[in-house]
């Protein structure tokens, strides 16, 4: 099981987890209590309930670079191109936009 912390700007928004059944995303309780909090994506509105998906959530998959930049990352870090969560953990620490994803050590 691999996990990552998802930040919106500098605030810990939630945790994304890869498990045997697919993926989950859960907003951080303190993040939900803040009236100024924004959803990380329109497809993942703020809610207490855990989101579940058999595939990597399209929003998070969309954070992964494409084309030549992806090819450079795959060859430099020796990551399997089909390991989308591994790519997310490795390449999305400093994304364009408000959301960043940092590998969470268990």
PDB file of N, CA and C in Angstrom:
ATOM      1  N   UNK A   1       0.848  -1.172   0.000  1.00  0.00           N
ATOM      2  CA  UNK A   1       0.000   0.000   0.000  1.00  0.00           C
ATOM      3  C   UNK A   1       0.897   1.240   0.000  1.00  0.00           C
ATOM      4  N   UNK A   2       0.680   2.096  -0.997  1.00  0.00           N
ATOM      5  CA  UNK A   2       1.427   3.352  -1.070  1.00  0.00           C
ATOM      6  C   UNK A   2       0.465   4.510  -0.819  1.00  0.00           C
ATOM      7  N   UNK A   3       0.995   5.548  -0.191  1.00  0.00           N
ATOM      8  CA  UNK A   3       0.175   6.712   0.126  1.00  0.00           C
ATOM      9  C   UNK A   3       0.919   7.989  -0.208  1.00  0.00           C
ATOM     10  N   UNK A   4       0.136   9.046  -0.416  1.00  0.00           N
ATOM     11  CA  UNK A   4       0.708  10.367  -0.642  1.00  0.00           C
ATOM     12  C   UNK A   4      -0.190  11.406   0.024  1.00  0.00           C
ATOM     13  N   UNK A   5       0.457  12.456   0.495  1.00  0.00           N
ATOM     14  CA  UNK A   5      -0.264  13.598   1.025  1.00  0.00           C
ATOM     15  C   UNK A   5      -0.551  14.541  -0.134  1.00  0.00           C
ATOM     16  N   UNK A   6      -1.772  15.027  -0.184  1.00  0.00           N
ATOM     17  CA  UNK A   6      -2.192  15.937  -1.237  1.00  0.00           C
ATOM     18  C   UNK A   6      -2.359  17.317  -0.612  1.00  0.00           C
ATOM     19  N   UNK A   7      -1.629  18.289  -1.154  1.00  0.00           N
ATOM     20  CA  UNK A   7      -1.683  19.649  -0.639  1.00  0.00           C
ATOM     21  C   UNK A   7      -2.389  20.556  -1.624  1.00  0.00           C
ATOM     22  N   UNK A   8      -3.205  21.447  -1.086  1.00  0.00           N
ATOM     23  CA  UNK A   8      -3.787  22.535  -1.866  1.00  0.00           C
ATOM     24  C   UNK A   8      -3.102  23.798  -1.375  1.00  0.00           C
ATOM     25  N   UNK A   9      -2.292  24.384  -2.234  1.00  0.00           N
ATOM     26  CA  UNK A   9      -1.372  25.447  -1.843  1.00  0.00           C
ATOM     27  C   UNK A   9      -0.500  24.874  -0.732  1.00  0.00           C
ATOM     28  N   UNK A  10      -0.517  25.452   0.469  1.00  0.00           N
ATOM     29  CA  UNK A  10       0.327  24.939   1.553  1.00  0.00           C
ATOM     30  C   UNK A  10      -0.441  24.117   2.581  1.00  0.00           C
ATOM     31  N   UNK A  11      -1.714  23.881   2.342  1.00  0.00           N
ATOM     32  CA  UNK A  11      -2.558  23.173   3.306  1.00  0.00           C
ATOM     33  C   UNK A  11      -2.697  21.699   2.928  1.00  0.00           C
ATOM     34  N   UNK A  12      -2.555  20.834   3.928  1.00  0.00           N
ATOM     35  CA  UNK A  12      -2.770  19.402   3.710  1.00  0.00           C
ATOM     36  C   UNK A  12      -4.253  19.182   3.455  1.00  0.00           C
ATOM     37  N   UNK A  13      -4.591  18.853   2.213  1.00  0.00           N
ATOM     38  CA  UNK A  13      -5.989  18.681   1.824  1.00  0.00           C
ATOM     39  C   UNK A  13      -6.484  17.265   2.075  1.00  0.00           C
ATOM     40  N   UNK A  14      -5.608  16.265   1.891  1.00  0.00           N
ATOM     41  CA  UNK A  14      -6.057  14.894   2.067  1.00  0.00           C
ATOM     42  C   UNK A  14      -4.970  13.892   1.772  1.00  0.00           C
ATOM     43  N   UNK A  15      -5.378  12.625   1.760  1.00  0.00           N
ATOM     44  CA  UNK A  15      -4.467  11.503   1.524  1.00  0.00           C
ATOM     45  C   UNK A  15      -5.024  10.660   0.384  1.00  0.00           C
ATOM     46  N   UNK A  16      -4.148  10.363  -0.572  1.00  0.00           N
ATOM     47  CA  UNK A  16      -4.507   9.427  -1.644  1.00  0.00           C
ATOM     48  C   UNK A  16      -3.746   8.131  -1.377  1.00  0.00           C
ATOM     49  N   UNK A  17      -4.444   7.012  -1.518  1.00  0.00           N
ATOM     50  CA  UNK A  17      -3.872   5.707  -1.200  1.00  0.00           C
ATOM     51  C   UNK A  17      -4.089   4.751  -2.358  1.00  0.00           C
ATOM     52  N   UNK A  18      -3.054   3.968  -2.638  1.00  0.00           N
ATOM     53  CA  UNK A  18      -3.162   2.867  -3.594  1.00  0.00           C
ATOM     54  C   UNK A  18      -3.230   1.588  -2.776  1.00  0.00           C
ATOM     55  N   UNK A  19      -4.259   0.766  -3.016  1.00  0.00           N
ATOM     56  CA  UNK A  19      -4.390  -0.507  -2.301  1.00  0.00           C
ATOM     57  C   UNK A  19      -4.734  -1.611  -3.287  1.00  0.00           C
ATOM     58  N   UNK A  20      -4.982  -2.786  -2.791  1.00  0.00           N
ATOM     59  CA  UNK A  20      -5.262  -3.939  -3.654  1.00  0.00           C
ATOM     60  C   UNK A  20      -6.528  -3.769  -4.502  1.00  0.00           C
ATOM     61  N   UNK A  21      -7.468  -2.957  -4.036  1.00  0.00           N
ATOM     62  CA  UNK A  21      -8.733  -2.763  -4.745  1.00  0.00           C
ATOM     63  C   UNK A  21      -8.718  -1.562  -5.687  1.00  0.00           C
ATOM     64  N   UNK A  22      -7.660  -0.780  -5.657  1.00  0.00           N
ATOM     65  CA  UNK A  22      -7.601   0.426  -6.489  1.00  0.00           C
ATOM     66  C   UNK A  22      -7.056   1.592  -5.697  1.00  0.00           C
ATOM     67  N   UNK A  23      -7.861   2.662  -5.619  1.00  0.00           N
ATOM     68  CA  UNK A  23      -7.399   3.907  -5.005  1.00  0.00           C
ATOM     69  C   UNK A  23      -8.482   4.512  -4.132  1.00  0.00           C
ATOM     70  N   UNK A  24      -8.045   5.236  -3.110  1.00  0.00           N
ATOM     71  CA  UNK A  24      -8.963   6.008  -2.287  1.00  0.00           C
ATOM     72  C   UNK A  24      -8.381   7.412  -2.128  1.00  0.00           C
ATOM     73  N   UNK A  25      -9.266   8.357  -1.944  1.00  0.00           N
ATOM     74  CA  UNK A  25      -8.863   9.708  -1.594  1.00  0.00           C
ATOM     75  C   UNK A  25      -9.783  10.182  -0.496  1.00  0.00           C
ATOM     76  N   UNK A  26      -9.188  10.706   0.578  1.00  0.00           N
ATOM     77  CA  UNK A  26      -9.972  11.214   1.696  1.00  0.00           C
ATOM     78  C   UNK A  26      -9.448  12.584   2.093  1.00  0.00           C
ATOM     79  N   UNK A  27     -10.380  13.522   2.195  1.00  0.00           N
ATOM     80  CA  UNK A  27     -10.007  14.855   2.654  1.00  0.00           C
ATOM     81  C   UNK A  27      -9.620  14.824   4.117  1.00  0.00           C
ATOM     82  N   UNK A  28      -8.659  15.648   4.461  1.00  0.00           N
ATOM     83  CA  UNK A  28      -8.215  15.808   5.837  1.00  0.00           C
ATOM     84  C   UNK A  28      -9.330  16.479   6.649  1.00  0.00           C
ATOM     85  N   UNK A  29      -9.560  15.981   7.851  1.00  0.00           N
ATOM     86  CA  UNK A  29     -10.633  16.489   8.708  1.00  0.00           C
ATOM     87  C   UNK A  29     -10.472  17.988   8.995  1.00  0.00           C
ATOM     88  N   UNK A  30      -9.265  18.420   9.319  1.00  0.00           N
ATOM     89  CA  UNK A  30      -9.027  19.842   9.599  1.00  0.00           C
ATOM     90  C   UNK A  30      -9.231  20.695   8.347  1.00  0.00           C
ATOM     91  N   UNK A  31      -8.870  20.157   7.204  1.00  0.00           N
ATOM     92  CA  UNK A  31      -9.062  20.871   5.942  1.00  0.00           C
ATOM     93  C   UNK A  31     -10.554  21.091   5.693  1.00  0.00           C
ATOM     94  N   UNK A  32     -11.355  20.085   5.972  1.00  0.00           N
ATOM     95  CA  UNK A  32     -12.801  20.201   5.770  1.00  0.00           C
ATOM     96  C   UNK A  32     -13.430  21.217   6.723  1.00  0.00           C
ATOM     97  N   UNK A  33     -12.862  21.364   7.904  1.00  0.00           N
ATOM     98  CA  UNK A  33     -13.404  22.304   8.894  1.00  0.00           C
ATOM     99  C   UNK A  33     -13.125  23.757   8.549  1.00  0.00           C
ATOM    100  N   UNK A  34     -12.111  24.005   7.741  1.00  0.00           N
ATOM    101  CA  UNK A  34     -11.736  25.369   7.363  1.00  0.00           C
ATOM    102  C   UNK A  34     -12.714  25.889   6.309  1.00  0.00           C
ATOM    103  N   UNK A  35     -13.411  26.971   6.616  1.00  0.00           N
ATOM    104  CA  UNK A  35     -14.426  27.496   5.685  1.00  0.00           C
ATOM    105  C   UNK A  35     -13.810  28.048   4.399  1.00  0.00           C
ATOM    106  N   UNK A  36     -12.507  28.299   4.401  1.00  0.00           N
ATOM    107  CA  UNK A  36     -11.833  28.815   3.205  1.00  0.00           C
ATOM    108  C   UNK A  36     -11.290  27.711   2.304  1.00  0.00           C
ATOM    109  N   UNK A  37     -11.438  26.462   2.710  1.00  0.00           N
ATOM    110  CA  UNK A  37     -10.900  25.344   1.921  1.00  0.00           C
ATOM    111  C   UNK A  37     -11.627  25.215   0.590  1.00  0.00           C
ATOM    112  N   UNK A  38     -10.855  24.838  -0.409  1.00  0.00           N
ATOM    113  CA  UNK A  38     -11.379  24.600  -1.756  1.00  0.00           C
ATOM    114  C   UNK A  38     -11.153  23.136  -2.108  1.00  0.00           C
ATOM    115  N   UNK A  39     -12.015  22.560  -2.937  1.00  0.00           N
ATOM    116  CA  UNK A  39     -11.765  21.183  -3.386  1.00  0.00           C
ATOM    117  C   UNK A  39     -10.505  21.139  -4.241  1.00  0.00           C
ATOM    118  N   UNK A  40      -9.794  20.017  -4.210  1.00  0.00           N
ATOM    119  CA  UNK A  40      -8.606  19.880  -5.045  1.00  0.00           C
ATOM    120  C   UNK A  40      -8.991  19.808  -6.517  1.00  0.00           C
ATOM    121  N   UNK A  41     -10.220  19.403  -6.779  1.00  0.00           N
ATOM    122  CA  UNK A  41     -10.731  19.293  -8.141  1.00  0.00           C
ATOM    123  C   UNK A  41     -12.252  19.400  -8.112  1.00  0.00           C
ATOM    124  N   UNK A  42     -12.830  19.881  -9.186  1.00  0.00           N
ATOM    125  CA  UNK A  42     -14.289  19.914  -9.266  1.00  0.00           C
ATOM    126  C   UNK A  42     -14.873  18.506  -9.278  1.00  0.00           C
ATOM    127  N   UNK A  43     -14.070  17.531  -9.691  1.00  0.00           N
ATOM    128  CA  UNK A  43     -14.534  16.142  -9.718  1.00  0.00           C
ATOM    129  C   UNK A  43     -14.412  15.473  -8.350  1.00  0.00           C
ATOM    130  N   UNK A  44     -13.789  16.164  -7.393  1.00  0.00           N
ATOM    131  CA  UNK A  44     -13.644  15.654  -6.022  1.00  0.00           C
ATOM    132  C   UNK A  44     -14.118  16.728  -5.035  1.00  0.00           C
ATOM    133  N   UNK A  45     -15.428  17.004  -5.016  1.00  0.00           N
ATOM    134  CA  UNK A  45     -15.937  18.043  -4.126  1.00  0.00           C
ATOM    135  C   UNK A  45     -15.647  17.719  -2.656  1.00  0.00           C
ATOM    136  N   UNK A  46     -15.591  18.768  -1.845  1.00  0.00           N
ATOM    137  CA  UNK A  46     -15.342  18.570  -0.415  1.00  0.00           C
ATOM    138  C   UNK A  46     -16.432  17.692   0.189  1.00  0.00           C
ATOM    139  N   UNK A  47     -16.009  16.640   0.888  1.00  0.00           N
ATOM    140  CA  UNK A  47     -16.941  15.761   1.588  1.00  0.00           C
ATOM    141  C   UNK A  47     -16.169  14.898   2.579  1.00  0.00           C
ATOM    142  N   UNK A  48     -16.868  14.424   3.587  1.00  0.00           N
ATOM    143  CA  UNK A  48     -16.261  13.563   4.598  1.00  0.00           C
ATOM    144  C   UNK A  48     -16.058  12.150   4.058  1.00  0.00           C
ATOM    145  N   UNK A  49     -16.990  11.687   3.242  1.00  0.00           N
ATOM    146  CA  UNK A  49     -16.942  10.330   2.707  1.00  0.00           C
ATOM    147  C   UNK A  49     -15.684  10.113   1.857  1.00  0.00           C
ATOM    148  N   UNK A  50     -15.115   8.918   1.966  1.00  0.00           N
ATOM    149  CA  UNK A  50     -13.916   8.548   1.210  1.00  0.00           C
ATOM    150  C   UNK A  50     -14.290   8.275  -0.243  1.00  0.00           C
ATOM    151  N   UNK A  51     -13.530   8.851  -1.157  1.00  0.00           N
ATOM    152  CA  UNK A  51     -13.692   8.549  -2.579  1.00  0.00           C
ATOM    153  C   UNK A  51     -12.962   7.245  -2.874  1.00  0.00           C
ATOM    154  N   UNK A  52     -13.563   6.400  -3.708  1.00  0.00           N
ATOM    155  CA  UNK A  52     -12.952   5.133  -4.095  1.00  0.00           C
ATOM    156  C   UNK A  52     -13.009   4.986  -5.610  1.00  0.00           C
ATOM    157  N   UNK A  53     -11.964   4.377  -6.180  1.00  0.00           N
ATOM    158  CA  UNK A  53     -11.921   4.174  -7.621  1.00  0.00           C
ATOM    159  C   UNK A  53     -11.050   2.964  -7.944  1.00  0.00           C
ATOM    160  N   UNK A  54     -11.423   2.217  -8.953  1.00  0.00           N
ATOM    161  CA  UNK A  54     -10.613   1.079  -9.415  1.00  0.00           C
ATOM    162  C   UNK A  54      -9.379   1.562 -10.172  1.00  0.00           C
ATOM    163  N   UNK A  55      -9.473   2.742 -10.771  1.00  0.00           N
ATOM    164  CA  UNK A  55      -8.348   3.326 -11.509  1.00  0.00           C
ATOM    165  C   UNK A  55      -7.915   4.607 -10.799  1.00  0.00           C
ATOM    166  N   UNK A  56      -6.706   5.074 -11.115  1.00  0.00           N
ATOM    167  CA  UNK A  56      -6.246   6.327 -10.539  1.00  0.00           C
ATOM    168  C   UNK A  56      -7.213   7.428 -10.949  1.00  0.00           C
ATOM    169  N   UNK A  57      -7.654   8.204  -9.972  1.00  0.00           N
ATOM    170  CA  UNK A  57      -8.612   9.272 -10.238  1.00  0.00           C
ATOM    171  C   UNK A  57      -8.114  10.126 -11.411  1.00  0.00           C
ATOM    172  N   UNK A  58      -8.970  10.392 -12.399  1.00  0.00           N
ATOM    173  CA  UNK A  58      -8.528  11.146 -13.568  1.00  0.00           C
ATOM    174  C   UNK A  58      -7.851  12.477 -13.235  1.00  0.00           C
ATOM    175  N   UNK A  59      -8.315  13.165 -12.194  1.00  0.00           N
ATOM    176  CA  UNK A  59      -7.668  14.423 -11.820  1.00  0.00           C
ATOM    177  C   UNK A  59      -6.193  14.207 -11.491  1.00  0.00           C
ATOM    178  N   UNK A  60      -5.900  13.196 -10.671  1.00  0.00           N
ATOM    179  CA  UNK A  60      -4.516  12.935 -10.274  1.00  0.00           C
ATOM    180  C   UNK A  60      -3.703  12.410 -11.455  1.00  0.00           C
ATOM    181  N   UNK A  61      -4.309  11.584 -12.277  1.00  0.00           N
ATOM    182  CA  UNK A  61      -3.618  11.083 -13.461  1.00  0.00           C
ATOM    183  C   UNK A  61      -3.246  12.246 -14.391  1.00  0.00           C
ATOM    184  N   UNK A  62      -4.108  13.248 -14.430  1.00  0.00           N
ATOM    185  CA  UNK A  62      -3.864  14.411 -15.270  1.00  0.00           C
ATOM    186  C   UNK A  62      -2.714  15.287 -14.789  1.00  0.00           C
ATOM    187  N   UNK A  63      -2.286  15.121 -13.547  1.00  0.00           N
ATOM    188  CA  UNK A  63      -1.141  15.884 -13.033  1.00  0.00           C
ATOM    189  C   UNK A  63       0.186  15.359 -13.560  1.00  0.00           C
ATOM    190  N   UNK A  64       0.197  14.110 -14.018  1.00  0.00           N
ATOM    191  CA  UNK A  64       1.425  13.470 -14.489  1.00  0.00           C
ATOM    192  C   UNK A  64       1.807  14.067 -15.844  1.00  0.00           C
ATOM    193  N   UNK A  65       3.066  14.476 -16.000  1.00  0.00           N
ATOM    194  CA  UNK A  65       3.496  15.054 -17.284  1.00  0.00           C
ATOM    195  C   UNK A  65       3.299  14.065 -18.438  1.00  0.00           C
ATOM    196  N   UNK A  66       3.290  14.608 -19.641  1.00  0.00           N
ATOM    197  CA  UNK A  66       3.126  13.793 -20.841  1.00  0.00           C
ATOM    198  C   UNK A  66       4.277  14.045 -21.802  1.00  0.00           C
ATOM    199  N   UNK A  67       4.325  13.262 -22.855  1.00  0.00           N
ATOM    200  CA  UNK A  67       5.260  13.479 -23.947  1.00  0.00           C
ATOM    201  C   UNK A  67       6.721  13.361 -23.551  1.00  0.00           C
ATOM    202  N   UNK A  68       7.538  14.252 -24.086  1.00  0.00           N
ATOM    203  CA  UNK A  68       8.985  14.193 -23.884  1.00  0.00           C
ATOM    204  C   UNK A  68       9.373  14.321 -22.423  1.00  0.00           C
ATOM    205  N   UNK A  69       8.610  15.128 -21.663  1.00  0.00           N
ATOM    206  CA  UNK A  69       8.929  15.291 -20.237  1.00  0.00           C
ATOM    207  C   UNK A  69       8.690  13.984 -19.479  1.00  0.00           C
ATOM    208  N   UNK A  70       7.624  13.286 -19.808  1.00  0.00           N
ATOM    209  CA  UNK A  70       7.349  11.985 -19.205  1.00  0.00           C
ATOM    210  C   UNK A  70       8.446  10.991 -19.578  1.00  0.00           C
ATOM    211  N   UNK A  71       8.856  10.996 -20.842  1.00  0.00           N
ATOM    212  CA  UNK A  71       9.913  10.081 -21.293  1.00  0.00           C
ATOM    213  C   UNK A  71      11.226  10.312 -20.556  1.00  0.00           C
ATOM    214  N   UNK A  72      11.567  11.560 -20.326  1.00  0.00           N
ATOM    215  CA  UNK A  72      12.784  11.879 -19.570  1.00  0.00           C
ATOM    216  C   UNK A  72      12.665  11.343 -18.143  1.00  0.00           C
ATOM    217  N   UNK A  73      11.517  11.569 -17.528  1.00  0.00           N
ATOM    218  CA  UNK A  73      11.312  11.112 -16.149  1.00  0.00           C
ATOM    219  C   UNK A  73      11.379   9.592 -16.049  1.00  0.00           C
ATOM    220  N   UNK A  74      10.764   8.904 -16.988  1.00  0.00           N
ATOM    221  CA  UNK A  74      10.756   7.439 -16.977  1.00  0.00           C
ATOM    222  C   UNK A  74      12.176   6.898 -17.125  1.00  0.00           C
ATOM    223  N   UNK A  75      12.939   7.482 -18.032  1.00  0.00           N
ATOM    224  CA  UNK A  75      14.303   6.977 -18.242  1.00  0.00           C
ATOM    225  C   UNK A  75      15.240   7.365 -17.106  1.00  0.00           C
ATOM    226  N   UNK A  76      15.087   8.549 -16.534  1.00  0.00           N
ATOM    227  CA  UNK A  76      15.971   8.981 -15.445  1.00  0.00           C
ATOM    228  C   UNK A  76      15.690   8.259 -14.134  1.00  0.00           C
ATOM    229  N   UNK A  77      14.418   8.053 -13.820  1.00  0.00           N
ATOM    230  CA  UNK A  77      14.072   7.425 -12.544  1.00  0.00           C
ATOM    231  C   UNK A  77      13.734   5.947 -12.684  1.00  0.00           C
ATOM    232  N   UNK A  78      13.810   5.424 -13.884  1.00  0.00           N
ATOM    233  CA  UNK A  78      13.552   4.003 -14.139  1.00  0.00           C
ATOM    234  C   UNK A  78      12.186   3.565 -13.597  1.00  0.00           C
ATOM    235  N   UNK A  79      11.180   4.351 -13.903  1.00  0.00           N
ATOM    236  CA  UNK A  79       9.815   4.047 -13.468  1.00  0.00           C
ATOM    237  C   UNK A  79       9.075   3.425 -14.644  1.00  0.00           C
ATOM    238  N   UNK A  80       8.322   2.377 -14.372  1.00  0.00           N
ATOM    239  CA  UNK A  80       7.494   1.757 -15.393  1.00  0.00           C
ATOM    240  C   UNK A  80       6.421   2.759 -15.826  1.00  0.00           C
ATOM    241  N   UNK A  81       6.272   2.969 -17.104  1.00  0.00           N
ATOM    242  CA  UNK A  81       5.303   3.940 -17.635  1.00  0.00           C
ATOM    243  C   UNK A  81       3.867   3.586 -17.249  1.00  0.00           C
ATOM    244  N   UNK A  82       3.604   2.322 -16.940  1.00  0.00           N
ATOM    245  CA  UNK A  82       2.251   1.906 -16.539  1.00  0.00           C
ATOM    246  C   UNK A  82       2.007   2.053 -15.045  1.00  0.00           C
ATOM    247  N   UNK A  83       3.050   2.383 -14.281  1.00  0.00           N
ATOM    248  CA  UNK A  83       2.909   2.609 -12.839  1.00  0.00           C
ATOM    249  C   UNK A  83       2.499   4.062 -12.603  1.00  0.00           C
ATOM    250  N   UNK A  84       1.235   4.349 -12.839  1.00  0.00           N
ATOM    251  CA  UNK A  84       0.746   5.722 -12.766  1.00  0.00           C
ATOM    252  C   UNK A  84       0.892   6.304 -11.368  1.00  0.00           C
ATOM    253  N   UNK A  85       0.665   5.499 -10.340  1.00  0.00           N
ATOM    254  CA  UNK A  85       0.801   6.012  -8.973  1.00  0.00           C
ATOM    255  C   UNK A  85       2.270   6.298  -8.673  1.00  0.00           C
ATOM    256  N   UNK A  86       3.154   5.449  -9.125  1.00  0.00           N
ATOM    257  CA  UNK A  86       4.583   5.689  -8.954  1.00  0.00           C
ATOM    258  C   UNK A  86       5.017   6.970  -9.641  1.00  0.00           C
ATOM    259  N   UNK A  87       4.486   7.212 -10.827  1.00  0.00           N
ATOM    260  CA  UNK A  87       4.774   8.452 -11.539  1.00  0.00           C
ATOM    261  C   UNK A  87       4.227   9.654 -10.775  1.00  0.00           C
ATOM    262  N   UNK A  88       3.018   9.515 -10.242  1.00  0.00           N
ATOM    263  CA  UNK A  88       2.414  10.590  -9.453  1.00  0.00           C
ATOM    264  C   UNK A  88       3.288  10.923  -8.250  1.00  0.00           C
ATOM    265  N   UNK A  89       3.739   9.893  -7.535  1.00  0.00           N
ATOM    266  CA  UNK A  89       4.570  10.098  -6.343  1.00  0.00           C
ATOM    267  C   UNK A  89       5.901  10.754  -6.682  1.00  0.00           C
ATOM    268  N   UNK A  90       6.468  10.394  -7.816  1.00  0.00           N
ATOM    269  CA  UNK A  90       7.791  10.871  -8.192  1.00  0.00           C
ATOM    270  C   UNK A  90       7.770  12.242  -8.854  1.00  0.00           C
ATOM    271  N   UNK A  91       6.758  12.503  -9.672  1.00  0.00           N
ATOM    272  CA  UNK A  91       6.789  13.674 -10.534  1.00  0.00           C
ATOM    273  C   UNK A  91       5.878  14.825 -10.123  1.00  0.00           C
ATOM    274  N   UNK A  92       5.024  14.622  -9.135  1.00  0.00           N
ATOM    275  CA  UNK A  92       4.003  15.632  -8.849  1.00  0.00           C
ATOM    276  C   UNK A  92       4.193  16.350  -7.525  1.00  0.00           C
ATOM    277  N   UNK A  93       5.426  16.406  -7.083  1.00  0.00           N
ATOM    278  CA  UNK A  93       5.730  17.147  -5.859  1.00  0.00           C
ATOM    279  C   UNK A  93       5.575  18.650  -6.082  1.00  0.00           C
ATOM    280  N   UNK A  94       5.915  19.088  -7.278  1.00  0.00           N
ATOM    281  CA  UNK A  94       5.862  20.508  -7.607  1.00  0.00           C
ATOM    282  C   UNK A  94       5.175  20.667  -8.961  1.00  0.00           C
ATOM    283  N   UNK A  95       3.849  20.568  -8.958  1.00  0.00           N
ATOM    284  CA  UNK A  95       3.066  20.632 -10.191  1.00  0.00           C
ATOM    285  C   UNK A  95       2.725  22.078 -10.551  1.00  0.00           C
ATOM    286  N   UNK A  96       2.297  22.258 -11.775  1.00  0.00           N
ATOM    287  CA  UNK A  96       1.710  23.531 -12.164  1.00  0.00           C
ATOM    288  C   UNK A  96       0.345  23.606 -11.496  1.00  0.00           C
ATOM    289  N   UNK A  97       0.010  24.718 -10.909  1.00  0.00           N
ATOM    290  CA  UNK A  97      -1.277  24.882 -10.254  1.00  0.00           C
ATOM    291  C   UNK A  97      -1.156  24.817  -8.745  1.00  0.00           C
ATOM    292  N   UNK A  98      -2.294  24.643  -8.098  1.00  0.00           N
ATOM    293  CA  UNK A  98      -2.374  24.720  -6.633  1.00  0.00           C
ATOM    294  C   UNK A  98      -2.124  23.402  -5.925  1.00  0.00           C
ATOM    295  N   UNK A  99      -2.173  22.290  -6.632  1.00  0.00           N
ATOM    296  CA  UNK A  99      -2.109  20.979  -5.988  1.00  0.00           C
ATOM    297  C   UNK A  99      -0.715  20.375  -6.128  1.00  0.00           C
ATOM    298  N   UNK A 100      -0.228  19.800  -5.032  1.00  0.00           N
ATOM    299  CA  UNK A 100       1.013  19.050  -5.059  1.00  0.00           C
ATOM    300  C   UNK A 100       0.814  17.737  -4.308  1.00  0.00           C
ATOM    301  N   UNK A 101       1.618  16.749  -4.669  1.00  0.00           N
ATOM    302  CA  UNK A 101       1.474  15.403  -4.112  1.00  0.00           C
ATOM    303  C   UNK A 101       2.848  14.969  -3.572  1.00  0.00           C
ATOM    304  N   UNK A 102       2.894  14.645  -2.275  1.00  0.00           N
ATOM    305  CA  UNK A 102       4.152  14.249  -1.646  1.00  0.00           C
ATOM    306  C   UNK A 102       4.021  12.841  -1.088  1.00  0.00           C
ATOM    307  N   UNK A 103       4.983  12.008  -1.443  1.00  0.00           N
ATOM    308  CA  UNK A 103       5.001  10.618  -0.979  1.00  0.00           C
ATOM    309  C   UNK A 103       4.954  10.595   0.541  1.00  0.00           C
ATOM    310  N   UNK A 104       4.090   9.754   1.078  1.00  0.00           N
ATOM    311  CA  UNK A 104       3.946   9.626   2.526  1.00  0.00           C
ATOM    312  C   UNK A 104       4.576   8.317   2.959  1.00  0.00           C
ATOM    313  N   UNK A 105       5.572   8.412   3.803  1.00  0.00           N
ATOM    314  CA  UNK A 105       6.221   7.208   4.355  1.00  0.00           C
ATOM    315  C   UNK A 105       5.314   6.628   5.432  1.00  0.00           C
ATOM    316  N   UNK A 106       5.099   5.326   5.382  1.00  0.00           N
ATOM    317  CA  UNK A 106       4.218   4.671   6.377  1.00  0.00           C
ATOM    318  C   UNK A 106       4.928   4.444   7.663  1.00  0.00           C
TER     319      UNK A 106
END
